Amino acid sequence: MNNLSRRKIYLDYAATTPVDARVIETMMPYFREVFGNPSSIHEFGQQAEAALESAREQVAKVLNCQTDEVIFTGCGSESDNLALRGIAFGARLGRQANHILISPVEHHAVLRTAQQLAELHKFELEYLPVDRYGMVSPQEVEKRLRPSTALVSIIYGNNEIGTVNPVGEIGEICQSHSIPFHTDAVQAAAYMPVDVKQLHVDLLSLGGHKFYGPKGVGVLFVRKSPEIHLAPTQTGGGQEFGLRAGTHNVPLITGLAKALELTQVEREQRAENLKPLRDHLVGSILETIPDSLLTGHPSQRLPNHASFVFHNVDGNALLMMLDVEGFACSSGSACKTGNPEPSDVLTAIGLDHDWALGSLRVTLGVGTTEKQIDQFLHVLPGVVERLRRLI
C-alpha cells in the first residue's frame, strides 16, 4: 500500500476501481512472454490469438451469449459509441429508420453520441420522460416506439444517481416490436446480473475498470439477429468480425475477462457486504445534515451507490474540502467534475439550481470498511456547515 492509500479514504468506486491482484496476475504473461499480435500467422501470433479467444469465451459465458457476439473495444464509452452509431447507420441503410429514443439521464457517451447523430446526421432524437428518481417507465417506451425507430438506449444502473432501470421489461417491449435495444451496463456490471437473454437486450456495453479490471478495455455485446445491422465506425483491419479495427490489446482483454468472471462469482456477496454500509451512510446523512436530499431511487438503486444534493452548497468546493480532509468522492459523473453548471441528470429529475449545484456522490467498494464510513460521517456535516457559512 502506498502513502496515498494510507492517507486517503477512497469513496469513488463508481469513477474507477483498483485492479484485483488476481487480474494483474492473469495479465502479466501477455506483456512480455506471450506478446505476439493475434493477427500474425506465426506461433507468437497463434499463442496471442488463443489467449484472445479464451477471454472471449469467458466473457460470453458470463453474458450467456455466443462468442461471436462479443466485441472487444477500448472502453465502455467506445462500446456506447459503436452501439449507437453502428445501429443508427445500419438501421437507416437497411430500413430507412431515422428515430432514436433515449433517456435524458444517460451517460454522456450515449447522450452526446445521440445528440451528434441528430445534429450532424439528421437523425430525429427523442428523450423519454423520467420520474423524480431518474427512472424510465416501460409503458412510456412502448408509447413512443415507431416503425421508424432505429434504436432505443436506456442506461441500466445510473452512474450519477444510482437508479436501476427495469431493463428486462423495456427489452421485452422492444423485442416484441423488433426494435434494437441497447443498454449501457458499464456501472451496473459490478453488482447487477448481465445475462443478456434475461435482460432481453440486443446490445450491452461494459468497461473493465468499473469491476476491478484494467482501464482501456471494454466490451460490446451485439446479438446476432436479422434485425440487428451494426455498421462499423472504426475501420481498417478486419479485427472483431470486421466491426472494430485495431490491434488487440491482449493483456487488457485477458484482464477484463478475468475480472468479469470474478465479478460473476462474487457479485452477490459483494452487494450483501455493501448494502448495510450504504444504508447506514444514507440514513445518517439525511438525519444529521439539514436541507439534504437523496438523489435516485431509495431502494431500486446500485448497492454500493449513495448520492445526495445539499441546498446552497457549492459541490466542487465540497469535493475539494473533503479531499483536504482525506476523502475522495465525486459530484456525480467523473466527466462532470469541475463543471460549475448543474449536471444533465440532476436537471432532468427536476432539481432547482440551488439544489443541483450541491451534489455529492459517495460510492463504496470491496475496500470500504465500517470504520471508514464512520470517519466520513464524522467529518461531512461540519464541512457542509462551513461551506454554507461562506455563502
Protein backbone atom coordinates (compact mmCIF):
# COMPACT_ATOMS: atom_id res chain seq x y z
CA MET A 1 0.00 0.00 0.00
CA ASN A 2 1.41 3.39 -0.96
CA ASN A 3 1.44 6.58 1.11
CA LEU A 4 -1.59 7.99 -0.72
CA SER A 5 -3.69 4.91 0.10
CA ARG A 6 -2.74 5.18 3.78
CA ARG A 7 -3.55 8.88 3.91
CA LYS A 8 -6.79 8.99 1.92
CA ILE A 9 -10.07 7.13 2.12
CA TYR A 10 -11.35 6.26 -1.35
CA LEU A 11 -15.13 6.60 -1.78
CA ASP A 12 -15.31 7.00 -5.57
CA TYR A 13 -15.60 3.41 -6.84
CA ALA A 14 -18.13 4.47 -9.49
CA ALA A 15 -15.37 6.51 -11.16
CA THR A 16 -12.93 3.61 -11.21
CA THR A 17 -11.85 0.62 -9.15
CA PRO A 18 -8.42 -0.72 -8.23
CA VAL A 19 -7.32 -3.71 -10.29
CA ASP A 20 -7.80 -7.00 -8.47
CA ALA A 21 -4.49 -8.76 -7.73
CA ARG A 22 -5.81 -11.91 -9.43
CA VAL A 23 -6.48 -9.87 -12.56
CA ILE A 24 -2.96 -8.43 -12.58
CA GLU A 25 -1.55 -11.95 -12.25
CA THR A 26 -3.63 -13.06 -15.24
CA MET A 27 -2.41 -10.17 -17.42
CA MET A 28 1.31 -10.26 -16.67
CA PRO A 29 2.45 -13.04 -19.10
CA TYR A 30 0.88 -11.19 -22.05
CA PHE A 31 3.09 -8.13 -21.64
CA ARG A 32 6.46 -9.90 -22.06
CA GLU A 33 6.12 -13.63 -22.71
CA VAL A 34 3.06 -14.14 -24.93
CA PHE A 35 3.41 -10.76 -26.65
CA GLY A 36 2.55 -11.59 -30.28
CA ASN A 37 -0.01 -9.85 -32.44
CA PRO A 38 -3.13 -12.09 -32.63
CA SER A 39 -3.44 -11.24 -36.34
CA SER A 40 0.01 -12.76 -37.10
CA ILE A 41 0.07 -16.30 -38.50
CA HIS A 42 3.29 -17.45 -36.78
CA GLU A 43 3.41 -19.20 -33.39
CA PHE A 44 3.76 -15.97 -31.40
CA GLY A 45 0.60 -14.69 -33.02
CA GLN A 46 -1.21 -18.01 -32.57
CA GLN A 47 -0.46 -18.00 -28.84
CA ALA A 48 -1.83 -14.48 -28.50
CA GLU A 49 -4.90 -15.40 -30.56
CA ALA A 50 -5.54 -18.40 -28.31
CA ALA A 51 -5.49 -16.10 -25.27
CA LEU A 52 -7.82 -13.65 -27.02
CA GLU A 53 -10.36 -16.33 -27.91
CA SER A 54 -10.16 -17.86 -24.44
CA ALA A 55 -11.02 -14.43 -22.99
CA ARG A 56 -13.90 -14.13 -25.44
CA GLU A 57 -15.26 -17.48 -24.25
CA GLN A 58 -15.02 -16.32 -20.61
CA VAL A 59 -16.98 -13.14 -21.36
CA ALA A 60 -19.57 -15.00 -23.45
CA LYS A 61 -20.16 -17.46 -20.61
CA VAL A 62 -20.91 -14.65 -18.15
CA LEU A 63 -23.14 -12.79 -20.62
CA ASN A 64 -24.86 -16.05 -21.68
CA CYS A 65 -24.25 -15.40 -25.37
CA GLN A 66 -22.30 -16.76 -28.32
CA THR A 67 -18.60 -15.99 -28.61
CA ASP A 68 -19.09 -14.20 -31.94
CA GLU A 69 -21.49 -11.80 -30.20
CA VAL A 70 -18.67 -10.42 -28.01
CA ILE A 71 -16.81 -7.42 -29.44
CA PHE A 72 -13.75 -6.11 -27.58
CA THR A 73 -13.33 -2.33 -27.55
CA GLY A 74 -11.09 0.27 -25.90
CA CYS A 75 -13.52 1.23 -23.08
CA GLY A 76 -17.18 1.45 -22.10
CA SER A 77 -17.56 4.82 -23.82
CA GLU A 78 -16.29 3.36 -27.09
CA SER A 79 -18.76 0.49 -26.71
CA ASP A 80 -21.59 3.01 -26.31
CA ASN A 81 -20.37 4.97 -29.34
CA LEU A 82 -20.15 1.87 -31.52
CA ALA A 83 -23.60 0.68 -30.41
CA LEU A 84 -25.38 3.96 -31.15
CA ARG A 85 -23.58 4.99 -34.32
CA GLY A 86 -23.35 1.46 -35.67
CA ILE A 87 -27.03 0.65 -35.17
CA ALA A 88 -28.23 4.11 -36.27
CA PHE A 89 -26.33 4.00 -39.55
CA GLY A 90 -27.20 0.34 -40.10
CA ALA A 91 -30.91 0.91 -39.45
CA ARG A 92 -31.02 3.92 -41.74
CA LEU A 93 -29.35 1.98 -44.53
CA GLY A 94 -31.35 -1.20 -44.01
CA ARG A 95 -34.88 0.06 -43.30
CA GLN A 96 -34.77 3.86 -43.57
CA ALA A 97 -35.19 4.21 -39.80
CA ASN A 98 -34.38 7.69 -38.52
CA HIS A 99 -35.74 7.91 -34.95
CA ILE A 100 -33.54 7.48 -31.84
CA LEU A 101 -35.10 7.08 -28.41
CA ILE A 102 -33.02 7.58 -25.25
CA SER A 103 -33.48 8.82 -21.70
CA PRO A 104 -32.19 12.27 -20.66
CA VAL A 105 -30.17 10.70 -17.81
CA GLU A 106 -27.79 8.66 -19.96
CA HIS A 107 -24.03 8.74 -19.52
CA HIS A 108 -22.51 11.32 -21.85
CA ALA A 109 -21.07 8.53 -24.00
CA VAL A 110 -24.66 7.81 -25.04
CA LEU A 111 -26.16 11.29 -24.66
CA ARG A 112 -23.53 13.20 -26.64
CA THR A 113 -23.32 10.50 -29.31
CA ALA A 114 -27.10 10.60 -29.85
CA GLN A 115 -27.00 14.41 -29.96
CA GLN A 116 -24.25 14.35 -32.57
CA LEU A 117 -26.22 11.87 -34.67
CA ALA A 118 -29.11 14.34 -34.59
CA GLU A 119 -27.01 17.45 -35.25
CA LEU A 120 -24.64 16.15 -37.92
CA HIS A 121 -26.52 13.26 -39.47
CA LYS A 122 -30.12 14.47 -39.18
CA PHE A 123 -31.50 11.66 -37.06
CA GLU A 124 -34.60 12.54 -35.03
CA LEU A 125 -33.70 12.33 -31.33
CA GLU A 126 -36.45 11.92 -28.75
CA TYR A 127 -35.98 11.95 -24.97
CA LEU A 128 -38.12 9.71 -22.80
CA PRO A 129 -39.65 11.20 -19.67
CA VAL A 130 -38.15 10.09 -16.34
CA ASP A 131 -39.64 10.29 -12.87
CA ARG A 132 -38.07 12.16 -9.95
CA TYR A 133 -35.77 9.21 -9.37
CA GLY A 134 -34.47 9.23 -12.94
CA MET A 135 -36.30 6.01 -13.81
CA VAL A 136 -37.77 5.20 -17.22
CA SER A 137 -41.24 3.64 -17.46
CA PRO A 138 -41.54 0.66 -19.84
CA GLN A 139 -45.02 1.91 -20.79
CA GLU A 140 -43.56 5.27 -21.88
CA VAL A 141 -41.07 3.43 -24.08
CA GLU A 142 -43.84 1.43 -25.75
CA LYS A 143 -45.92 4.57 -26.36
CA ARG A 144 -43.06 6.23 -28.25
CA LEU A 145 -41.90 3.36 -30.44
CA ARG A 146 -42.42 3.80 -34.18
CA PRO A 147 -41.72 1.70 -37.26
CA SER A 148 -39.01 4.29 -37.98
CA THR A 149 -37.28 3.86 -34.59
CA ALA A 150 -33.66 2.97 -35.31
CA LEU A 151 -32.82 2.06 -31.73
CA VAL A 152 -33.66 2.55 -28.05
CA SER A 153 -30.89 3.09 -25.48
CA ILE A 154 -31.60 3.10 -21.74
CA ILE A 155 -28.94 3.05 -19.02
CA TYR A 156 -29.06 0.01 -16.71
CA GLY A 157 -27.64 1.45 -13.47
CA ASN A 158 -27.22 5.22 -13.42
CA ASN A 159 -23.64 6.31 -12.79
CA GLU A 160 -24.64 9.59 -11.18
CA ILE A 161 -27.69 8.84 -9.03
CA GLY A 162 -27.60 5.04 -8.77
CA THR A 163 -31.13 4.28 -10.03
CA VAL A 164 -31.55 0.85 -11.64
CA ASN A 165 -33.92 0.84 -14.61
CA PRO A 166 -36.33 -2.03 -15.45
CA VAL A 167 -34.16 -3.02 -18.40
CA GLY A 168 -35.64 -6.51 -18.78
CA GLU A 169 -39.19 -5.17 -19.16
CA ILE A 170 -38.09 -2.49 -21.61
CA GLY A 171 -36.14 -5.09 -23.57
CA GLU A 172 -39.16 -7.36 -23.89
CA ILE A 173 -41.21 -4.46 -25.28
CA CYS A 174 -38.54 -3.51 -27.83
CA GLN A 175 -38.11 -7.16 -28.77
CA SER A 176 -41.85 -7.54 -29.44
CA HIS A 177 -41.64 -4.58 -31.85
CA SER A 178 -38.36 -5.78 -33.47
CA ILE A 179 -36.60 -2.55 -32.42
CA PRO A 180 -32.90 -2.83 -31.44
CA PHE A 181 -32.39 -2.16 -27.73
CA HIS A 182 -29.07 -1.12 -26.17
CA THR A 183 -28.22 -0.70 -22.52
CA ASP A 184 -25.18 0.95 -21.01
CA ALA A 185 -24.34 -1.56 -18.28
CA VAL A 186 -20.92 -0.07 -17.52
CA GLN A 187 -21.86 0.99 -13.99
CA ALA A 188 -24.23 -1.91 -13.30
CA ALA A 189 -22.00 -4.85 -14.18
CA ALA A 190 -20.15 -4.88 -10.85
CA TYR A 191 -23.35 -5.62 -8.92
CA MET A 192 -26.23 -6.50 -11.26
CA PRO A 193 -26.91 -9.57 -13.44
CA VAL A 194 -25.71 -9.19 -17.03
CA ASP A 195 -27.33 -12.24 -18.62
CA VAL A 196 -28.31 -10.76 -21.98
CA LYS A 197 -31.10 -13.28 -22.52
CA GLN A 198 -32.78 -12.44 -19.22
CA LEU A 199 -32.35 -8.72 -19.92
CA HIS A 200 -33.76 -9.06 -23.47
CA VAL A 201 -31.09 -6.70 -24.82
CA ASP A 202 -29.67 -6.62 -28.33
CA LEU A 203 -26.58 -4.62 -27.35
CA LEU A 204 -24.87 -4.17 -23.98
CA SER A 205 -21.80 -2.10 -23.07
CA LEU A 206 -19.19 -2.90 -20.41
CA GLY A 207 -15.99 -1.18 -19.21
CA GLY A 208 -13.30 -3.22 -17.47
CA HIS A 209 -12.19 -0.69 -14.89
CA LYS A 210 -15.62 -0.48 -13.22
CA PHE A 211 -15.42 -4.05 -11.88
CA TYR A 212 -11.80 -4.33 -10.71
CA GLY A 213 -10.35 -4.86 -14.17
CA PRO A 214 -7.92 -2.68 -16.12
CA LYS A 215 -8.65 0.67 -17.73
CA GLY A 216 -8.52 0.95 -21.51
CA VAL A 217 -10.64 -2.07 -22.42
CA GLY A 218 -14.36 -2.65 -22.88
CA VAL A 219 -16.92 -4.99 -24.40
CA LEU A 220 -19.92 -4.55 -26.63
CA PHE A 221 -22.34 -7.45 -26.82
CA VAL A 222 -24.12 -7.46 -30.20
CA ARG A 223 -26.88 -10.01 -30.68
CA LYS A 224 -26.68 -11.97 -33.95
CA SER A 225 -30.13 -11.44 -35.40
CA PRO A 226 -31.66 -10.48 -38.78
CA GLU A 227 -32.95 -7.28 -37.14
CA ILE A 228 -29.51 -6.15 -35.93
CA HIS A 229 -27.33 -4.44 -38.53
CA LEU A 230 -24.25 -2.81 -36.99
CA ALA A 231 -22.17 -0.59 -39.25
CA PRO A 232 -18.51 -0.43 -38.15
CA THR A 233 -17.44 3.03 -37.02
CA GLN A 234 -13.71 2.25 -36.74
CA THR A 235 -12.36 0.84 -39.97
CA GLY A 236 -9.03 -0.54 -41.07
CA GLY A 237 -8.22 -4.18 -40.34
CA GLY A 238 -10.75 -6.98 -40.02
CA GLN A 239 -10.46 -7.43 -36.27
CA GLU A 240 -13.53 -8.16 -34.15
CA PHE A 241 -15.51 -9.67 -37.02
CA GLY A 242 -14.91 -6.54 -39.08
CA LEU A 243 -16.72 -4.35 -36.54
CA ARG A 244 -13.79 -2.75 -34.68
CA ALA A 245 -10.45 -2.34 -36.43
CA GLY A 246 -7.23 -2.15 -34.44
CA THR A 247 -4.60 -4.44 -32.96
CA HIS A 248 -5.98 -6.30 -29.96
CA ASN A 249 -4.68 -5.33 -26.52
CA VAL A 250 -4.32 -8.90 -25.35
CA PRO A 251 -3.13 -8.22 -21.76
CA LEU A 252 -6.05 -5.91 -21.04
CA ILE A 253 -8.57 -8.19 -22.74
CA THR A 254 -7.47 -11.16 -20.63
CA GLY A 255 -7.66 -8.93 -17.56
CA LEU A 256 -11.20 -7.81 -18.35
CA ALA A 257 -12.32 -11.39 -18.88
CA LYS A 258 -10.84 -12.50 -15.55
CA ALA A 259 -12.35 -9.52 -13.72
CA LEU A 260 -15.80 -10.21 -15.20
CA GLU A 261 -15.53 -13.88 -14.28
CA LEU A 262 -14.65 -12.96 -10.68
CA THR A 263 -17.49 -10.45 -10.61
CA GLN A 264 -19.96 -13.15 -11.67
CA VAL A 265 -18.82 -15.41 -8.82
CA GLU A 266 -18.51 -12.74 -6.10
CA ARG A 267 -21.15 -10.19 -7.13
CA GLU A 268 -23.90 -11.20 -4.70
CA GLN A 269 -21.55 -11.39 -1.71
CA ARG A 270 -20.05 -8.01 -2.55
CA ALA A 271 -23.53 -6.48 -2.72
CA GLU A 272 -24.54 -8.09 0.58
CA ASN A 273 -21.47 -6.62 2.27
CA LEU A 274 -22.00 -3.11 0.91
CA LYS A 275 -25.76 -2.59 1.27
CA PRO A 276 -25.70 -2.18 5.08
CA LEU A 277 -22.81 0.30 4.82
CA ARG A 278 -24.63 2.24 2.10
CA ASP A 279 -27.90 2.30 4.05
CA HIS A 280 -26.10 3.47 7.21
CA LEU A 281 -24.42 6.22 5.19
CA VAL A 282 -27.70 7.38 3.62
CA GLY A 283 -29.68 7.32 6.86
CA SER A 284 -27.04 9.20 8.83
CA ILE A 285 -26.54 11.95 6.24
CA LEU A 286 -30.25 12.61 5.82
CA GLU A 287 -30.70 12.67 9.59
CA THR A 288 -27.73 14.83 10.55
CA ILE A 289 -27.46 17.36 7.69
CA PRO A 290 -30.34 19.83 7.26
CA ASP A 291 -31.59 20.56 3.72
CA SER A 292 -30.17 17.34 2.28
CA LEU A 293 -31.83 15.04 -0.24
CA LEU A 294 -31.04 11.57 -1.53
CA THR A 295 -30.95 11.55 -5.34
CA GLY A 296 -32.03 8.47 -7.25
CA HIS A 297 -34.42 5.74 -6.20
CA PRO A 298 -34.42 4.95 -2.47
CA SER A 299 -34.41 1.16 -2.99
CA GLN A 300 -34.09 0.36 -6.72
CA ARG A 301 -30.51 1.52 -6.82
CA LEU A 302 -26.99 0.12 -7.10
CA PRO A 303 -25.99 -1.48 -3.77
CA ASN A 304 -22.75 0.49 -3.46
CA HIS A 305 -24.15 3.86 -4.52
CA ALA A 306 -25.23 6.84 -2.38
CA SER A 307 -25.82 10.26 -3.92
CA PHE A 308 -27.10 13.49 -2.43
CA VAL A 309 -27.75 17.15 -3.01
CA PHE A 310 -27.30 19.82 -0.33
CA HIS A 311 -29.17 23.11 -0.60
CA ASN A 312 -26.96 26.20 -1.00
CA VAL A 313 -23.68 24.28 -1.15
CA ASP A 314 -21.05 24.52 -3.90
CA GLY A 315 -20.48 20.90 -4.92
CA ASN A 316 -16.98 21.49 -6.27
CA ALA A 317 -15.94 23.29 -3.10
CA LEU A 318 -17.39 20.40 -1.12
CA LEU A 319 -15.26 17.91 -3.04
CA MET A 320 -12.11 19.96 -2.55
CA MET A 321 -12.72 20.37 1.17
CA LEU A 322 -13.42 16.66 1.58
CA ASP A 323 -10.21 15.89 -0.29
CA VAL A 324 -8.29 18.07 2.16
CA GLU A 325 -9.96 16.14 4.97
CA GLY A 326 -8.78 12.87 3.41
CA PHE A 327 -11.83 11.63 1.48
CA ALA A 328 -12.04 11.04 -2.29
CA CYS A 329 -15.62 11.46 -3.52
CA SER A 330 -17.33 12.79 -6.64
CA SER A 331 -20.04 15.24 -7.59
CA GLY A 332 -21.64 12.73 -9.95
CA SER A 333 -20.24 11.51 -13.21
CA ALA A 334 -16.45 11.69 -13.19
CA CYS A 335 -16.76 13.52 -16.50
CA LYS A 336 -18.72 16.33 -14.85
CA THR A 337 -16.32 17.20 -12.04
CA GLY A 338 -15.16 20.81 -12.32
CA ASN A 339 -18.19 21.96 -14.31
CA PRO A 340 -19.98 24.81 -12.44
CA GLU A 341 -23.31 24.08 -14.18
CA PRO A 342 -25.84 21.57 -12.82
CA SER A 343 -25.50 18.15 -14.42
CA ASP A 344 -27.89 16.98 -17.12
CA VAL A 345 -29.10 14.20 -14.83
CA LEU A 346 -29.97 16.45 -11.88
CA THR A 347 -31.71 18.89 -14.19
CA ALA A 348 -33.69 16.06 -15.81
CA ILE A 349 -35.06 14.89 -12.46
CA GLY A 350 -36.35 18.39 -11.75
CA LEU A 351 -33.96 19.77 -9.13
CA ASP A 352 -33.72 23.55 -8.80
CA HIS A 353 -30.38 25.25 -9.47
CA ASP A 354 -29.74 25.93 -5.76
CA TRP A 355 -30.05 22.24 -5.02
CA ALA A 356 -28.46 20.76 -8.14
CA LEU A 357 -25.16 22.62 -7.70
CA GLY A 358 -24.61 20.95 -4.33
CA SER A 359 -24.29 17.33 -5.44
CA LEU A 360 -22.20 14.62 -3.82
CA ARG A 361 -21.71 11.02 -4.94
CA VAL A 362 -20.28 8.53 -2.46
CA THR A 363 -19.64 5.08 -3.91
CA LEU A 364 -18.31 2.11 -1.97
CA GLY A 365 -16.24 -0.90 -2.99
CA VAL A 366 -14.52 -4.03 -1.77
CA GLY A 367 -12.02 -1.95 0.21
CA THR A 368 -14.65 0.06 2.11
CA THR A 369 -14.99 -0.58 5.84
CA GLU A 370 -17.48 0.43 8.52
CA LYS A 371 -14.73 2.42 10.21
CA GLN A 372 -14.12 4.45 7.04
CA ILE A 373 -17.84 5.23 6.72
CA ASP A 374 -17.99 6.35 10.36
CA GLN A 375 -14.95 8.59 9.83
CA PHE A 376 -16.63 10.13 6.79
CA LEU A 377 -19.90 10.68 8.66
CA HIS A 378 -17.97 12.37 11.47
CA VAL A 379 -16.44 14.91 9.05
CA LEU A 380 -19.14 15.59 6.43
CA PRO A 381 -21.73 17.56 8.48
CA GLY A 382 -19.09 20.05 9.64
CA VAL A 383 -17.78 20.53 6.11
CA VAL A 384 -21.28 21.25 4.76
CA GLU A 385 -21.96 23.69 7.60
CA ARG A 386 -18.70 25.57 6.95
CA LEU A 387 -19.46 25.88 3.25
CA ARG A 388 -22.93 27.25 3.93
CA ARG A 389 -21.47 29.92 6.20
CA LEU A 390 -19.29 31.07 3.29
CA ILE A 391 -22.28 31.94 1.09
